[in-house]
């Protein structure tokens, strides 16, 4: 039973409710205060959204009277769910709904399928100086792409998750090098500009 609980389910092709239930299973492997497993899950929109609600019957009022640890536990479950979704090519947006005390995770496919091309930026060495060089190189690319009307965006999940990074590097033939940035680019609509802090906020 324990081995089944902690198994790695590598089945492909899961979707809808079946995928949602697998993501919930992964979420339930998260740690929780005193192992109370103080959560309940609801699949919404055929598994495209998953609500994580507190199971108040599993509260620990003596040691956690304000439910601080209970909601920390919900956060652990939400992050497990997000990481499991990433491993299956999905991205997730986590939001807390104060009206219902629910944590809602909205899932959507990674936007790789709609991208024309990808570029991987790799430093000559894995140190700070070369990481700065990678940033300069990417910025030159981004400026030139913008001048040509080509959109680009980071798609860094494969290099952000430490356990996935060596697999990704090997899959694209980088051997022992470390991929630093993954960028998708192609033609597309103009997106809203992101916000920036005012200059005075970043000056010493």
Protein backbone atom coordinates (compact mmCIF):
# COMPACT_ATOMS: atom_id res chain seq x y z
CA UNK A 1 0.00 0.00 0.00
CA UNK A 2 2.78 2.46 0.92
CA UNK A 3 4.66 1.68 -2.30
CA UNK A 4 1.51 2.38 -4.34
CA UNK A 5 0.97 5.66 -2.53
CA UNK A 6 4.43 6.98 -3.31
CA UNK A 7 4.77 5.51 -6.81
CA UNK A 8 5.82 7.64 -9.77
CA UNK A 9 3.00 7.40 -12.30
CA UNK A 10 4.65 7.83 -15.69
CA UNK A 11 1.55 7.06 -17.76
CA UNK A 12 1.09 9.43 -20.68
CA UNK A 13 -2.14 10.48 -22.28
CA UNK A 14 -4.04 11.23 -19.10
CA UNK A 15 -6.47 14.10 -19.46
CA UNK A 16 -9.64 15.52 -18.00
CA UNK A 17 -10.79 14.04 -14.71
CA UNK A 18 -8.19 11.23 -14.84
CA UNK A 19 -5.36 13.76 -15.02
CA UNK A 20 -6.99 15.87 -12.32
CA UNK A 21 -7.17 12.87 -9.99
CA UNK A 22 -3.50 12.06 -10.62
CA UNK A 23 -2.52 15.65 -9.83
CA UNK A 24 -4.60 15.48 -6.64
CA UNK A 25 -2.80 12.26 -5.70
CA UNK A 26 0.52 14.05 -6.09
CA UNK A 27 -0.78 16.98 -4.06
CA UNK A 28 -1.74 14.67 -1.18
CA UNK A 29 1.90 13.56 -0.87
CA UNK A 30 2.78 17.02 0.47
CA UNK A 31 3.72 17.45 4.13
CA UNK A 32 1.13 18.82 6.52
CA UNK A 33 1.07 19.96 10.11
CA UNK A 34 1.26 16.89 12.37
CA UNK A 35 0.49 14.86 9.22
CA UNK A 36 -3.14 15.87 9.60
CA UNK A 37 -3.62 15.95 5.79
CA UNK A 38 -6.07 18.77 6.42
CA UNK A 39 -7.31 19.24 2.87
CA UNK A 40 -10.07 18.32 0.48
CA UNK A 41 -10.00 18.70 -3.29
CA UNK A 42 -12.63 19.45 -5.90
CA UNK A 43 -12.15 19.09 -9.64
CA UNK A 44 -13.75 21.87 -11.64
CA UNK A 45 -14.10 22.39 -15.37
CA UNK A 46 -13.25 18.79 -16.30
CA UNK A 47 -10.04 18.95 -14.30
CA UNK A 48 -8.80 22.27 -15.69
CA UNK A 49 -9.22 23.84 -12.26
CA UNK A 50 -8.66 22.22 -8.88
CA UNK A 51 -9.88 23.71 -5.61
CA UNK A 52 -8.04 22.85 -2.39
CA UNK A 53 -10.19 23.49 0.67
CA UNK A 54 -9.36 23.18 4.35
CA UNK A 55 -10.77 20.10 6.06
CA UNK A 56 -11.76 21.74 9.34
CA UNK A 57 -12.47 18.37 10.92
CA UNK A 58 -8.68 17.86 10.92
CA UNK A 59 -7.80 21.12 12.68
CA UNK A 60 -5.45 21.14 15.67
CA UNK A 61 -6.99 23.96 17.75
CA UNK A 62 -4.76 23.35 20.77
CA UNK A 63 -1.49 23.92 18.92
CA UNK A 64 -2.78 25.86 15.89
CA UNK A 65 -5.64 28.03 17.17
CA UNK A 66 -5.48 30.53 14.27
CA UNK A 67 -5.14 27.81 11.58
CA UNK A 68 -1.78 29.18 10.51
CA UNK A 69 -0.26 25.74 10.02
CA UNK A 70 -3.42 24.45 8.37
CA UNK A 71 -3.14 27.03 5.58
CA UNK A 72 0.60 26.49 5.28
CA UNK A 73 -0.27 22.84 4.68
CA UNK A 74 -2.68 23.86 1.91
CA UNK A 75 0.18 25.81 0.34
CA UNK A 76 2.39 22.71 0.41
CA UNK A 77 -0.32 20.72 -1.35
CA UNK A 78 -0.80 23.46 -3.95
CA UNK A 79 2.92 23.55 -4.74
CA UNK A 80 3.07 19.77 -5.10
CA UNK A 81 0.16 20.00 -7.53
CA UNK A 82 1.89 22.74 -9.53
CA UNK A 83 5.12 20.77 -9.79
CA UNK A 84 3.25 17.62 -10.86
CA UNK A 85 1.43 19.68 -13.50
CA UNK A 86 4.71 21.10 -14.81
CA UNK A 87 6.07 17.58 -15.21
CA UNK A 88 3.09 16.85 -17.46
CA UNK A 89 3.49 19.94 -19.62
CA UNK A 90 0.94 22.12 -17.86
CA UNK A 91 1.30 25.50 -16.22
CA UNK A 92 -0.70 26.48 -13.18
CA UNK A 93 -1.89 29.70 -11.59
CA UNK A 94 -2.50 29.55 -7.82
CA UNK A 95 -4.94 31.95 -6.20
CA UNK A 96 -6.40 32.14 -2.72
CA UNK A 97 -10.12 32.83 -2.50
CA UNK A 98 -10.78 34.52 0.86
CA UNK A 99 -14.54 34.16 0.47
CA UNK A 100 -14.35 30.38 0.62
CA UNK A 101 -10.89 29.88 2.17
CA UNK A 102 -10.08 27.83 -0.92
CA UNK A 103 -6.83 27.65 -2.84
CA UNK A 104 -7.66 27.41 -6.56
CA UNK A 105 -5.20 26.09 -9.12
CA UNK A 106 -6.08 26.88 -12.74
CA UNK A 107 -4.27 24.65 -15.23
CA UNK A 108 -3.53 25.22 -18.89
CA UNK A 109 -1.27 23.56 -21.50
CA UNK A 110 2.26 24.92 -21.81
CA UNK A 111 2.23 27.32 -24.75
CA UNK A 112 5.01 25.50 -26.56
CA UNK A 113 2.63 24.15 -29.17
CA UNK A 114 1.81 27.65 -30.47
CA UNK A 115 5.43 28.79 -30.76
CA UNK A 116 7.30 28.85 -34.05
CA UNK A 117 10.80 28.34 -32.69
CA UNK A 118 12.74 27.92 -29.47
CA UNK A 119 16.14 29.13 -28.42
CA UNK A 120 18.25 27.86 -25.53
CA UNK A 121 20.91 30.16 -24.07
CA UNK A 122 23.96 28.48 -22.54
CA UNK A 123 26.88 30.12 -20.77
CA UNK A 124 30.44 28.97 -21.39
CA UNK A 125 30.72 28.26 -17.67
CA UNK A 126 28.26 27.99 -14.80
CA UNK A 127 29.38 31.05 -12.81
CA UNK A 128 28.10 34.55 -12.15
CA UNK A 129 30.22 36.30 -14.77
CA UNK A 130 29.00 33.99 -17.52
CA UNK A 131 25.40 34.23 -16.30
CA UNK A 132 25.72 37.99 -16.81
CA UNK A 133 26.99 37.27 -20.33
CA UNK A 134 23.95 35.08 -20.97
CA UNK A 135 21.71 37.95 -19.90
CA UNK A 136 23.46 40.35 -22.27
CA UNK A 137 23.20 37.88 -25.12
CA UNK A 138 19.51 37.31 -24.54
CA UNK A 139 18.85 41.06 -24.33
CA UNK A 140 20.54 41.62 -27.71
CA UNK A 141 18.33 38.91 -29.17
CA UNK A 142 15.18 40.33 -27.54
CA UNK A 143 15.87 43.87 -28.78
CA UNK A 144 16.51 42.72 -32.35
CA UNK A 145 13.43 40.47 -32.29
CA UNK A 146 11.29 43.36 -31.09
CA UNK A 147 12.63 45.60 -33.83
CA UNK A 148 11.56 42.95 -36.36
CA UNK A 149 8.10 42.52 -34.87
CA UNK A 150 8.90 39.08 -33.45
CA UNK A 151 7.47 38.24 -30.03
CA UNK A 152 9.44 36.28 -27.47
CA UNK A 153 8.86 34.97 -23.97
CA UNK A 154 10.62 32.82 -21.44
CA UNK A 155 9.65 29.16 -21.18
CA UNK A 156 12.02 28.33 -18.36
CA UNK A 157 10.27 25.51 -16.51
CA UNK A 158 12.73 22.85 -17.80
CA UNK A 159 15.69 24.80 -16.41
CA UNK A 160 14.02 26.07 -13.23
CA UNK A 161 13.20 22.62 -11.85
CA UNK A 162 16.56 21.27 -10.73
CA UNK A 163 15.68 17.62 -11.21
CA UNK A 164 14.56 18.25 -14.81
CA UNK A 165 17.53 20.37 -15.89
CA UNK A 166 20.03 17.52 -16.59
CA UNK A 167 17.37 15.56 -18.50
CA UNK A 168 16.56 18.61 -20.60
CA UNK A 169 20.24 19.31 -21.27
CA UNK A 170 20.83 15.72 -22.35
CA UNK A 171 17.74 15.73 -24.57
CA UNK A 172 19.05 18.70 -26.58
CA UNK A 173 22.64 17.45 -26.72
CA UNK A 174 24.28 19.76 -24.20
CA UNK A 175 26.11 16.94 -22.40
CA UNK A 176 27.55 18.43 -19.19
CA UNK A 177 26.65 22.06 -19.95
CA UNK A 178 23.92 23.88 -18.06
CA UNK A 179 21.09 25.49 -20.07
CA UNK A 180 20.35 28.92 -18.56
CA UNK A 181 17.35 30.27 -20.49
CA UNK A 182 14.69 28.80 -22.75
CA UNK A 183 12.91 31.29 -25.01
CA UNK A 184 10.03 30.74 -27.40
CA UNK A 185 9.56 33.18 -30.26
CA UNK A 186 7.46 33.81 -33.32
CA UNK A 187 4.78 36.07 -34.72
CA UNK A 188 1.89 36.98 -32.47
CA UNK A 189 -0.25 39.78 -31.07
CA UNK A 190 1.26 42.54 -28.98
CA UNK A 191 0.82 41.84 -25.27
CA UNK A 192 0.46 44.48 -22.54
CA UNK A 193 3.76 45.87 -21.30
CA UNK A 194 4.82 44.64 -17.88
CA UNK A 195 5.04 47.09 -15.00
CA UNK A 196 8.33 48.57 -13.79
CA UNK A 197 9.34 50.23 -10.55
CA UNK A 198 10.07 53.97 -10.79
CA UNK A 199 13.71 55.00 -11.17
CA UNK A 200 13.85 56.55 -7.70
CA UNK A 201 12.86 53.21 -6.17
CA UNK A 202 15.95 51.50 -7.59
CA UNK A 203 18.55 54.22 -6.93
CA UNK A 204 20.91 54.16 -3.98
